Amino acid sequence: MARLPLEGLRVIDLTVVWAGPFGGALLGDLGAEVIKVDDIQRWDTITRGQNATVDAIKAHGGNPAPDAEPWNLSANFNSVGRNKKSVTIDLTRKEGQEAFYRLVANSDVFIENNAPDVLKKLNITYDHLKQHNPKLVMMSLPAFGSTGPYSFFRAYGANMEAVVGHTLLRGYVDTDATTVTSVFLADACGGATSAFAIMAALHHRRKTGIGQHIDMSQAENVMHTLTQAIMDYSMNGRIQTTLGNRHPYRAPQGCYPCTGEDNWITLSVGTDEEFAGLCKAMSREDMLDDPRFADTLARYANQDALDEAIAAWTATQDRIDAFHALQKAGVPAGPVYRAADVFEDPHLRARDDFQTVHHPAAGTYEHYKTSIHHMSKTPLPIRKHAALLGEDNEYVYKEVCGYTDDEYAWFVENGHAGTTVVAKQKGPGR
């Protein structure tokens, strides 16, 4: 089997929730050894599982192990935890920090997305860590960056999207912000950009031998998905508002009802050729002679009339049949899928985008592979299920950090290394 692109690199993953874990997952997908740092003294329910129990999973058709612990059952964690190892270290104690420094000294990358004050309290900032490994590439992706007035503020995807103006650009013209559903775009964008930035820093290190710290604000990162609105205000003083399903200049564009219960299709028209194709698919060639729809500007001004005509046609159509008819006519269109529809989609199946993965605690399920798995020379299947809590303790403490058998036993006895969350305790010094 060909060597994977990042094979031989070791990544320390001290990430939470989704953005950071997704970045670590992408590095693991590419072949890096990613070691997730966990803690048996404190259970991070948001990252390693929330309301996940054996009974709850069984009630929804799952197949968990009868004795599975909740911190090994989270669907989100088991998705972005693929291809990773797990070590448990209590970073609030001096001995844990010393173990972490040893891990840093033998690693290439450290990725984290905690609030900046967390690392300061734990004595694991970049200034501390570069003393143990000057070649370390450290990626920090807190909500608002490590400097500035908001640097110590806490936020999740929904909060960051709101602060950078994303939230008020979604929704419908006849509603207010309370109807806008969070999409957590900041998390997905942050994870992907962090992996890209890390690889760029590694390339720089290869040329110079020098590591570096990357301070990436998740909010600033997702703001770049709004460049049109920001440039419109910067250049023209205009404040863009919600468009619903419409587009700033393509028309018609929308989401239209189809036959059956709650079935919909989306389409977008931006040229005369696409509009002609739409009219042909609808058997409404008469619309081509209507002066209201003569060109792009006319169609944009008469979107309500277009929406009415399109909806009248789609309401008589099966969404899949309409999808294929519109695509055949050269019209960008697609059905609105539920999760079950995604699993059954013949295109995704034909591209081998799913893989059955067995997890010893959570059970056996189909997982969506990494979006970059179609690499002709180095295909990227899921190589390993998400690590159980502390599954790789002995390997990390002994082989990576160089502790002896007796020293490792001390970490086990004193609440650092373990596979079960325990009550918070300080433990004796060593």
Protein backbone atom coordinates (compact mmCIF):
# COMPACT_ATOMS: atom_id res chain seq x y z
CA MET A 1 0.00 0.00 0.00
CA ALA A 2 1.30 3.47 -0.90
CA ARG A 3 2.49 5.73 1.88
CA LEU A 4 -0.17 8.22 2.88
CA PRO A 5 0.58 11.94 2.32
CA LEU A 6 1.16 12.83 6.00
CA GLU A 7 2.47 9.48 7.16
CA GLY A 8 5.26 9.90 9.72
CA LEU A 9 3.85 13.11 11.22
CA ARG A 10 2.55 13.12 14.79
CA VAL A 11 -0.25 15.50 15.78
CA ILE A 12 -1.42 16.31 19.31
CA ASP A 13 -5.16 16.99 19.32
CA LEU A 14 -6.47 18.99 22.28
CA THR A 15 -9.63 20.09 20.53
CA VAL A 16 -13.25 20.41 21.54
CA VAL A 17 -16.73 20.28 19.97
CA TRP A 18 -16.44 20.19 16.14
CA ALA A 19 -14.15 22.74 14.44
CA GLY A 20 -10.87 21.61 16.00
CA PRO A 21 -11.75 17.89 15.96
CA PHE A 22 -12.65 18.16 12.27
CA GLY A 23 -9.27 19.73 11.49
CA GLY A 24 -7.53 16.92 13.36
CA ALA A 25 -9.66 14.37 11.51
CA LEU A 26 -8.53 15.71 8.14
CA LEU A 27 -4.89 15.38 9.17
CA GLY A 28 -5.57 11.84 10.37
CA ASP A 29 -7.35 11.04 7.11
CA LEU A 30 -4.18 12.05 5.28
CA GLY A 31 -2.09 9.61 7.32
CA ALA A 32 -0.81 11.61 10.29
CA GLU A 33 -0.74 9.91 13.69
CA VAL A 34 -3.24 12.02 15.60
CA ILE A 35 -3.26 11.62 19.38
CA LYS A 36 -6.39 12.98 21.06
CA VAL A 37 -5.63 14.17 24.59
CA ASP A 38 -8.49 13.26 26.93
CA ASP A 39 -8.98 13.53 30.69
CA ILE A 40 -10.59 10.99 33.00
CA GLN A 41 -10.99 13.59 35.74
CA ARG A 42 -13.36 15.75 33.70
CA TRP A 43 -15.81 14.47 31.13
CA ASP A 44 -16.25 16.91 28.25
CA THR A 45 -19.83 15.99 27.42
CA ILE A 46 -20.05 18.43 24.50
CA THR A 47 -17.09 16.80 22.75
CA ARG A 48 -17.12 13.15 23.82
CA GLY A 49 -20.84 12.67 24.21
CA GLN A 50 -24.01 14.29 25.39
CA ASN A 51 -27.15 12.34 26.32
CA ALA A 52 -25.61 9.29 24.68
CA THR A 53 -26.55 6.10 26.52
CA VAL A 54 -26.91 2.48 25.51
CA ASP A 55 -30.68 2.59 25.98
CA ALA A 56 -31.08 5.83 24.01
CA ILE A 57 -29.05 4.50 21.09
CA LYS A 58 -30.95 1.20 21.09
CA ALA A 59 -34.23 3.11 21.06
CA HIS A 60 -33.17 4.71 17.78
CA GLY A 61 -32.15 1.43 16.16
CA GLY A 62 -28.47 1.44 17.11
CA ASN A 63 -26.35 -1.53 18.15
CA PRO A 64 -24.05 -0.43 20.98
CA ALA A 65 -22.21 -2.85 23.23
CA PRO A 66 -24.31 -3.65 26.34
CA ASP A 67 -21.65 -2.34 28.73
CA ALA A 68 -20.61 0.70 26.66
CA GLU A 69 -19.80 3.87 28.56
CA PRO A 70 -21.39 7.16 27.43
CA TRP A 71 -18.08 8.88 26.70
CA ASN A 72 -17.48 6.37 23.89
CA LEU A 73 -20.90 6.71 22.25
CA SER A 74 -21.15 10.21 20.79
CA ALA A 75 -22.05 10.16 17.09
CA ASN A 76 -20.22 13.44 16.50
CA PHE A 77 -17.08 12.29 18.31
CA ASN A 78 -17.07 8.94 16.56
CA SER A 79 -17.28 10.71 13.22
CA VAL A 80 -14.51 13.29 13.66
CA GLY A 81 -12.55 10.94 15.94
CA ARG A 82 -11.80 8.54 13.09
CA ASN A 83 -8.18 7.51 12.54
CA LYS A 84 -7.12 8.93 15.93
CA LYS A 85 -5.56 7.57 19.10
CA SER A 86 -6.51 8.57 22.66
CA VAL A 87 -4.36 9.26 25.70
CA THR A 88 -5.62 10.54 29.05
CA ILE A 89 -3.58 13.16 30.91
CA ASP A 90 -4.65 15.47 33.71
CA LEU A 91 -3.18 18.77 32.54
CA THR A 92 -4.23 20.59 35.71
CA ARG A 93 -1.43 18.85 37.63
CA LYS A 94 2.30 19.38 37.30
CA GLU A 95 2.97 15.74 36.45
CA GLY A 96 0.42 15.85 33.67
CA GLN A 97 1.99 18.98 32.25
CA GLU A 98 5.40 17.29 32.33
CA ALA A 99 3.97 14.31 30.43
CA PHE A 100 2.44 16.68 27.92
CA TYR A 101 5.80 18.43 27.43
CA ARG A 102 7.36 15.05 26.65
CA LEU A 103 4.62 14.39 24.13
CA VAL A 104 5.22 17.79 22.55
CA ALA A 105 8.96 17.11 22.33
CA ASN A 106 8.21 14.04 20.23
CA SER A 107 5.47 15.51 18.02
CA ASP A 108 5.22 17.74 14.96
CA VAL A 109 1.89 19.52 15.37
CA PHE A 110 -0.34 20.68 18.21
CA ILE A 111 -3.91 21.71 17.35
CA GLU A 112 -6.36 23.22 19.83
CA ASN A 113 -9.48 25.40 19.77
CA ASN A 114 -9.91 26.38 23.39
CA ALA A 115 -10.33 29.89 24.70
CA PRO A 116 -6.85 31.47 25.06
CA ASP A 117 -6.97 31.63 28.86
CA VAL A 118 -7.33 27.84 29.07
CA LEU A 119 -3.82 27.23 27.76
CA LYS A 120 -2.36 29.96 29.96
CA LYS A 121 -3.84 28.35 33.06
CA LEU A 122 -2.41 24.98 32.04
CA ASN A 123 1.06 26.35 31.17
CA ILE A 124 0.88 24.95 27.65
CA THR A 125 0.93 28.13 25.55
CA TYR A 126 3.18 28.28 22.50
CA ASP A 127 5.81 30.18 24.50
CA HIS A 128 5.98 27.25 26.92
CA LEU A 129 5.89 24.53 24.30
CA LYS A 130 8.47 25.90 21.87
CA GLN A 131 11.03 25.58 24.66
CA HIS A 132 10.48 21.81 24.50
CA ASN A 133 10.23 21.65 20.70
CA PRO A 134 11.32 24.66 18.61
CA LYS A 135 10.12 22.87 15.46
CA LEU A 136 6.56 22.51 16.74
CA VAL A 137 3.76 23.81 14.52
CA MET A 138 0.93 24.93 16.79
CA MET A 139 -2.53 25.74 15.49
CA SER A 140 -4.86 27.72 17.74
CA LEU A 141 -8.35 28.39 16.46
CA PRO A 142 -10.35 30.02 19.24
CA ALA A 143 -13.58 31.80 18.44
CA PHE A 144 -12.14 35.30 18.05
CA GLY A 145 -8.39 34.82 17.99
CA SER A 146 -5.75 35.18 20.68
CA THR A 147 -5.56 38.99 20.66
CA GLY A 148 -8.05 41.86 20.63
CA PRO A 149 -11.01 42.83 22.83
CA TYR A 150 -12.91 39.56 22.21
CA SER A 151 -9.96 37.21 22.67
CA PHE A 152 -11.23 35.74 25.95
CA PHE A 153 -14.87 35.47 24.90
CA ARG A 154 -16.52 32.06 24.58
CA ALA A 155 -18.59 31.21 21.52
CA TYR A 156 -19.99 28.40 19.43
CA GLY A 157 -20.67 28.38 15.70
CA ALA A 158 -24.02 30.13 16.04
CA ASN A 159 -22.47 33.00 18.02
CA MET A 160 -19.58 33.48 15.63
CA GLU A 161 -21.86 33.50 12.60
CA ALA A 162 -23.94 36.23 14.24
CA VAL A 163 -20.96 38.44 15.14
CA VAL A 164 -19.56 38.48 11.59
CA GLY A 165 -22.92 39.29 9.98
CA HIS A 166 -23.74 35.86 8.60
CA THR A 167 -26.96 35.27 10.52
CA LEU A 168 -28.82 38.31 9.23
CA LEU A 169 -28.04 37.36 5.65
CA ARG A 170 -29.98 34.11 6.01
CA GLY A 171 -33.71 33.67 6.47
CA TYR A 172 -36.63 35.16 4.57
CA VAL A 173 -37.61 38.72 3.76
CA ASP A 174 -40.84 38.51 5.77
CA THR A 175 -39.26 37.15 8.96
CA ASP A 176 -36.76 38.31 11.55
CA ALA A 177 -33.59 36.73 12.95
CA THR A 178 -35.49 34.49 15.37
CA THR A 179 -36.48 32.24 12.47
CA VAL A 180 -32.92 31.70 11.21
CA THR A 181 -31.56 28.21 11.80
CA SER A 182 -27.90 27.92 12.77
CA VAL A 183 -25.82 25.99 10.26
CA PHE A 184 -22.52 26.06 12.20
CA LEU A 185 -20.63 26.95 9.05
CA ALA A 186 -17.89 28.45 11.20
CA ASP A 187 -17.01 25.02 12.60
CA ALA A 188 -16.69 23.23 9.28
CA CYS A 189 -14.80 26.12 7.68
CA GLY A 190 -12.52 26.47 10.68
CA GLY A 191 -11.56 22.80 10.71
CA ALA A 192 -10.82 22.68 7.00
CA THR A 193 -8.80 25.92 7.01
CA SER A 194 -6.83 24.82 10.06
CA ALA A 195 -5.67 21.65 8.29
CA PHE A 196 -4.64 23.69 5.25
CA ALA A 197 -2.72 26.21 7.37
CA ILE A 198 -0.96 23.46 9.31
CA MET A 199 0.28 21.85 6.10
CA ALA A 200 1.53 25.23 4.86
CA ALA A 201 3.42 25.73 8.13
CA LEU A 202 4.90 22.23 7.84
CA HIS A 203 6.09 23.08 4.34
CA HIS A 204 7.73 26.23 5.74
CA ARG A 205 9.36 24.14 8.47
CA ARG A 206 10.74 21.72 5.90
CA LYS A 207 12.47 24.62 4.15
CA THR A 208 13.66 26.49 7.25
CA GLY A 209 13.68 24.01 10.12
CA ILE A 210 11.58 26.45 12.16
CA GLY A 211 8.16 25.83 13.70
CA GLN A 212 5.54 28.49 14.31
CA HIS A 213 2.28 29.39 16.00
CA ILE A 214 -0.83 29.94 13.87
CA ASP A 215 -3.43 32.16 15.53
CA MET A 216 -6.62 31.68 13.52
CA SER A 217 -9.92 33.22 14.56
CA GLN A 218 -12.85 31.01 13.56
CA ALA A 219 -15.06 34.09 13.28
CA GLU A 220 -12.63 35.87 10.94
CA ASN A 221 -12.27 32.70 8.91
CA VAL A 222 -16.01 32.30 8.29
CA MET A 223 -16.33 36.02 7.51
CA HIS A 224 -14.58 35.29 4.22
CA THR A 225 -17.70 33.44 3.05
CA LEU A 226 -19.43 36.83 3.06
CA THR A 227 -17.05 38.79 0.85
CA GLN A 228 -19.80 40.00 -1.50
CA ALA A 229 -21.80 41.61 1.29
CA ILE A 230 -18.72 43.12 2.92
CA MET A 231 -17.36 44.52 -0.35
CA ASP A 232 -20.81 45.85 -1.28
CA TYR A 233 -20.83 47.90 1.91
CA SER A 234 -17.17 48.89 1.59
CA MET A 235 -17.54 50.08 -2.00
CA ASN A 236 -21.16 51.21 -2.21
CA GLY A 237 -22.36 51.79 1.33
CA ARG A 238 -25.17 49.26 0.81
CA ILE A 239 -26.20 46.88 3.57
CA GLN A 240 -27.32 43.57 2.15
CA THR A 241 -30.31 41.91 3.77
CA THR A 242 -32.00 38.52 3.66
CA LEU A 243 -32.86 37.09 0.27
CA GLY A 244 -34.63 33.90 1.30
CA ASN A 245 -33.93 31.33 -1.41
CA ARG A 246 -33.23 33.98 -4.02
CA HIS A 247 -29.91 35.12 -5.46
CA PRO A 248 -28.41 38.62 -5.78
CA TYR A 249 -28.60 38.46 -9.58
CA ARG A 250 -29.72 35.01 -10.80
CA ALA A 251 -33.45 34.66 -11.42
CA PRO A 252 -35.48 32.62 -11.01
CA GLN A 253 -33.92 30.82 -8.07
CA GLY A 254 -35.86 29.09 -5.34
CA CYS A 255 -37.08 26.02 -3.52
CA TYR A 256 -40.34 24.64 -4.86
CA PRO A 257 -42.85 22.00 -3.65
CA CYS A 258 -43.15 18.62 -5.36
CA THR A 259 -45.59 15.74 -5.06
CA GLY A 260 -45.68 13.79 -1.80
CA GLU A 261 -45.35 14.99 1.74
CA ASP A 262 -42.79 17.74 2.33
CA ASN A 263 -40.84 17.06 -0.88
CA TRP A 264 -39.01 19.95 -2.54
CA ILE A 265 -36.64 20.81 -5.36
CA THR A 266 -34.25 23.71 -5.81
CA LEU A 267 -33.28 25.33 -9.09
CA SER A 268 -31.27 28.34 -10.22
CA VAL A 269 -31.38 30.14 -13.58
CA GLY A 270 -28.86 32.77 -14.62
CA THR A 271 -28.76 32.85 -18.42
CA ASP A 272 -31.17 33.00 -21.33
CA GLU A 273 -30.15 29.47 -22.30
CA GLU A 274 -30.95 28.11 -18.84
CA PHE A 275 -34.31 29.89 -18.87
CA ALA A 276 -35.13 28.37 -22.24
CA GLY A 277 -34.26 24.96 -20.82
CA LEU A 278 -36.54 25.57 -17.83
CA CYS A 279 -39.45 26.56 -20.05
CA LYS A 280 -38.91 23.48 -22.22
CA ALA A 281 -38.80 21.14 -19.20
CA MET A 282 -42.02 22.72 -17.92
CA SER A 283 -43.67 22.61 -21.36
CA ARG A 284 -44.16 26.36 -21.00
CA GLU A 285 -42.39 27.66 -24.10
CA ASP A 286 -45.00 30.43 -24.16
CA MET A 287 -43.08 32.09 -21.32
CA LEU A 288 -40.23 32.77 -23.72
CA ASP A 289 -42.43 35.30 -25.52
CA ASP A 290 -43.56 37.02 -22.33
CA PRO A 291 -41.86 40.47 -22.12
CA ARG A 292 -41.71 40.11 -18.33
CA PHE A 293 -39.17 37.32 -18.80
CA ALA A 294 -37.33 38.59 -21.86
CA ASP A 295 -33.89 38.87 -20.24
CA THR A 296 -32.09 38.55 -16.92
CA LEU A 297 -33.10 42.01 -15.64
CA ALA A 298 -36.74 41.47 -16.58
CA ARG A 299 -36.82 38.08 -14.93
CA TYR A 300 -35.21 39.48 -11.81
CA ALA A 301 -37.91 42.17 -11.60
CA ASN A 302 -40.69 39.62 -12.00
CA GLN A 303 -39.57 36.81 -9.72
CA ASP A 304 -42.91 36.53 -7.97
CA ALA A 305 -44.66 35.67 -11.22
CA LEU A 306 -41.91 33.20 -12.12
CA ASP A 307 -42.09 31.53 -8.72
CA GLU A 308 -45.84 31.10 -9.11
CA ALA A 309 -45.50 29.46 -12.52
CA ILE A 310 -42.64 27.19 -11.45
CA ALA A 311 -44.37 26.10 -8.24
CA ALA A 312 -47.51 25.22 -10.19
CA TRP A 313 -45.41 22.87 -12.35
CA THR A 314 -43.26 21.33 -9.62
CA ALA A 315 -46.36 20.61 -7.52
CA THR A 316 -47.31 18.03 -10.18
CA GLN A 317 -43.83 16.48 -10.36
CA ASP A 318 -41.91 13.86 -8.46
CA ARG A 319 -38.81 15.63 -7.14
CA ILE A 320 -36.39 13.07 -8.63
CA ASP A 321 -38.10 13.07 -12.02
CA ALA A 322 -38.07 16.87 -12.05
CA PHE A 323 -34.41 16.87 -11.01
CA HIS A 324 -33.41 14.71 -13.97
CA ALA A 325 -35.67 16.56 -16.41
CA LEU A 326 -34.23 19.94 -15.44
CA GLN A 327 -30.64 18.71 -15.55
CA LYS A 328 -31.27 17.21 -19.00
CA ALA A 329 -32.51 20.63 -20.09
CA GLY A 330 -29.35 22.30 -18.77
CA VAL A 331 -30.90 23.82 -15.65
CA PRO A 332 -28.94 23.67 -12.37
CA ALA A 333 -31.33 21.83 -10.03
CA GLY A 334 -31.38 19.35 -7.18
CA PRO A 335 -33.84 17.63 -4.86
CA VAL A 336 -33.97 18.58 -1.18
CA TYR A 337 -32.81 15.44 0.62
CA ARG A 338 -33.40 14.11 4.10
CA ALA A 339 -30.59 12.19 5.80
CA ALA A 340 -32.13 8.87 4.73
CA ASP A 341 -32.21 10.06 1.12
CA VAL A 342 -28.50 10.90 1.30
CA PHE A 343 -27.69 7.35 2.40
CA GLU A 344 -29.70 5.94 -0.51
CA ASP A 345 -28.44 8.36 -3.15
CA PRO A 346 -27.19 6.31 -6.13
CA HIS A 347 -24.53 8.89 -7.04
CA LEU A 348 -22.87 8.76 -3.61
CA ARG A 349 -23.10 4.97 -3.65
CA ALA A 350 -21.51 4.82 -7.08
CA ARG A 351 -18.62 6.93 -5.79
CA ASP A 352 -18.10 4.62 -2.80
CA ASP A 353 -18.54 7.47 -0.32
CA PHE A 354 -19.67 5.30 2.60
CA GLN A 355 -17.73 2.77 4.63
CA THR A 356 -18.92 0.34 7.28
CA VAL A 357 -16.94 0.87 10.48
CA HIS A 358 -17.12 -1.27 13.60
CA HIS A 359 -16.70 0.55 16.91
CA PRO A 360 -16.31 -1.76 19.92
CA ALA A 361 -18.57 0.41 22.08
CA ALA A 362 -20.90 2.32 19.77
CA GLY A 363 -21.57 -0.52 17.31
CA THR A 364 -21.33 -1.04 13.57
CA TYR A 365 -22.53 1.68 11.21
CA GLU A 366 -21.91 3.22 7.83
CA HIS A 367 -19.74 6.31 8.04
CA TYR A 368 -19.24 8.99 5.41
CA LYS A 369 -15.63 8.91 4.30
CA THR A 370 -13.46 12.00 4.21
CA SER A 371 -14.38 14.33 1.36
CA ILE A 372 -10.85 13.98 -0.05
CA HIS A 373 -10.75 10.19 -0.21
CA HIS A 374 -10.78 10.14 -4.02
CA MET A 375 -7.00 10.43 -4.43
CA SER A 376 -5.79 8.28 -7.32
CA LYS A 377 -2.40 7.37 -5.83
CA THR A 378 -3.22 7.49 -2.12
CA PRO A 379 -6.90 6.59 -1.52
CA LEU A 380 -8.03 7.47 1.99
CA PRO A 381 -10.39 4.95 3.60
CA ILE A 382 -11.24 5.13 7.29
CA ARG A 383 -8.40 3.08 8.77
CA LYS A 384 -9.55 3.01 12.38
CA HIS A 385 -12.64 3.68 14.45
CA ALA A 386 -12.64 6.62 16.85
CA ALA A 387 -10.48 5.76 19.84
CA LEU A 388 -12.05 4.64 23.08
CA LEU A 389 -11.23 6.87 26.02
CA GLY A 390 -7.59 6.21 26.93
CA GLU A 391 -7.31 3.35 24.47
CA ASP A 392 -3.69 4.17 23.62
CA ASN A 393 -2.39 5.22 27.03
CA GLU A 394 0.35 2.63 27.32
CA TYR A 395 1.67 3.32 23.81
CA VAL A 396 1.77 7.10 24.33
CA TYR A 397 3.23 7.10 27.83
CA LYS A 398 5.85 4.42 27.19
CA GLU A 399 6.75 4.51 23.50
CA VAL A 400 6.19 8.17 22.69
CA CYS A 401 6.98 9.86 26.00
CA GLY A 402 9.59 7.33 27.19
CA TYR A 403 8.23 6.52 30.64
CA THR A 404 9.23 3.24 32.27
CA ASP A 405 6.78 0.56 33.35
CA ASP A 406 6.93 1.78 36.95
CA GLU A 407 6.44 5.41 35.93
CA TYR A 408 3.48 4.49 33.76
CA ALA A 409 1.99 2.56 36.67
CA TRP A 410 2.22 5.74 38.75
CA PHE A 411 0.20 7.65 36.15
CA VAL A 412 -2.43 4.91 36.23
CA GLU A 413 -2.59 4.77 40.03
CA ASN A 414 -2.82 8.54 40.36
CA GLY A 415 -5.66 9.26 38.00
CA HIS A 416 -3.91 10.35 34.83
CA ALA A 417 -4.00 7.26 32.64
CA GLY A 418 -7.27 5.38 32.56
CA THR A 419 -10.23 4.35 30.48
CA THR A 420 -13.07 5.36 32.80
CA VAL A 421 -14.08 8.84 33.89
CA VAL A 422 -13.68 9.22 37.64
CA ALA A 423 -14.54 11.87 40.21
CA LYS A 424 -12.39 14.96 40.07
CA GLN A 425 -9.33 14.63 42.28
CA LYS A 426 -5.98 16.32 42.62
CA GLY A 427 -3.90 13.27 43.56
CA PRO A 428 -0.52 13.28 45.30
CA GLY A 429 2.55 14.81 43.77
CA ARG A 430 5.30 12.65 42.35
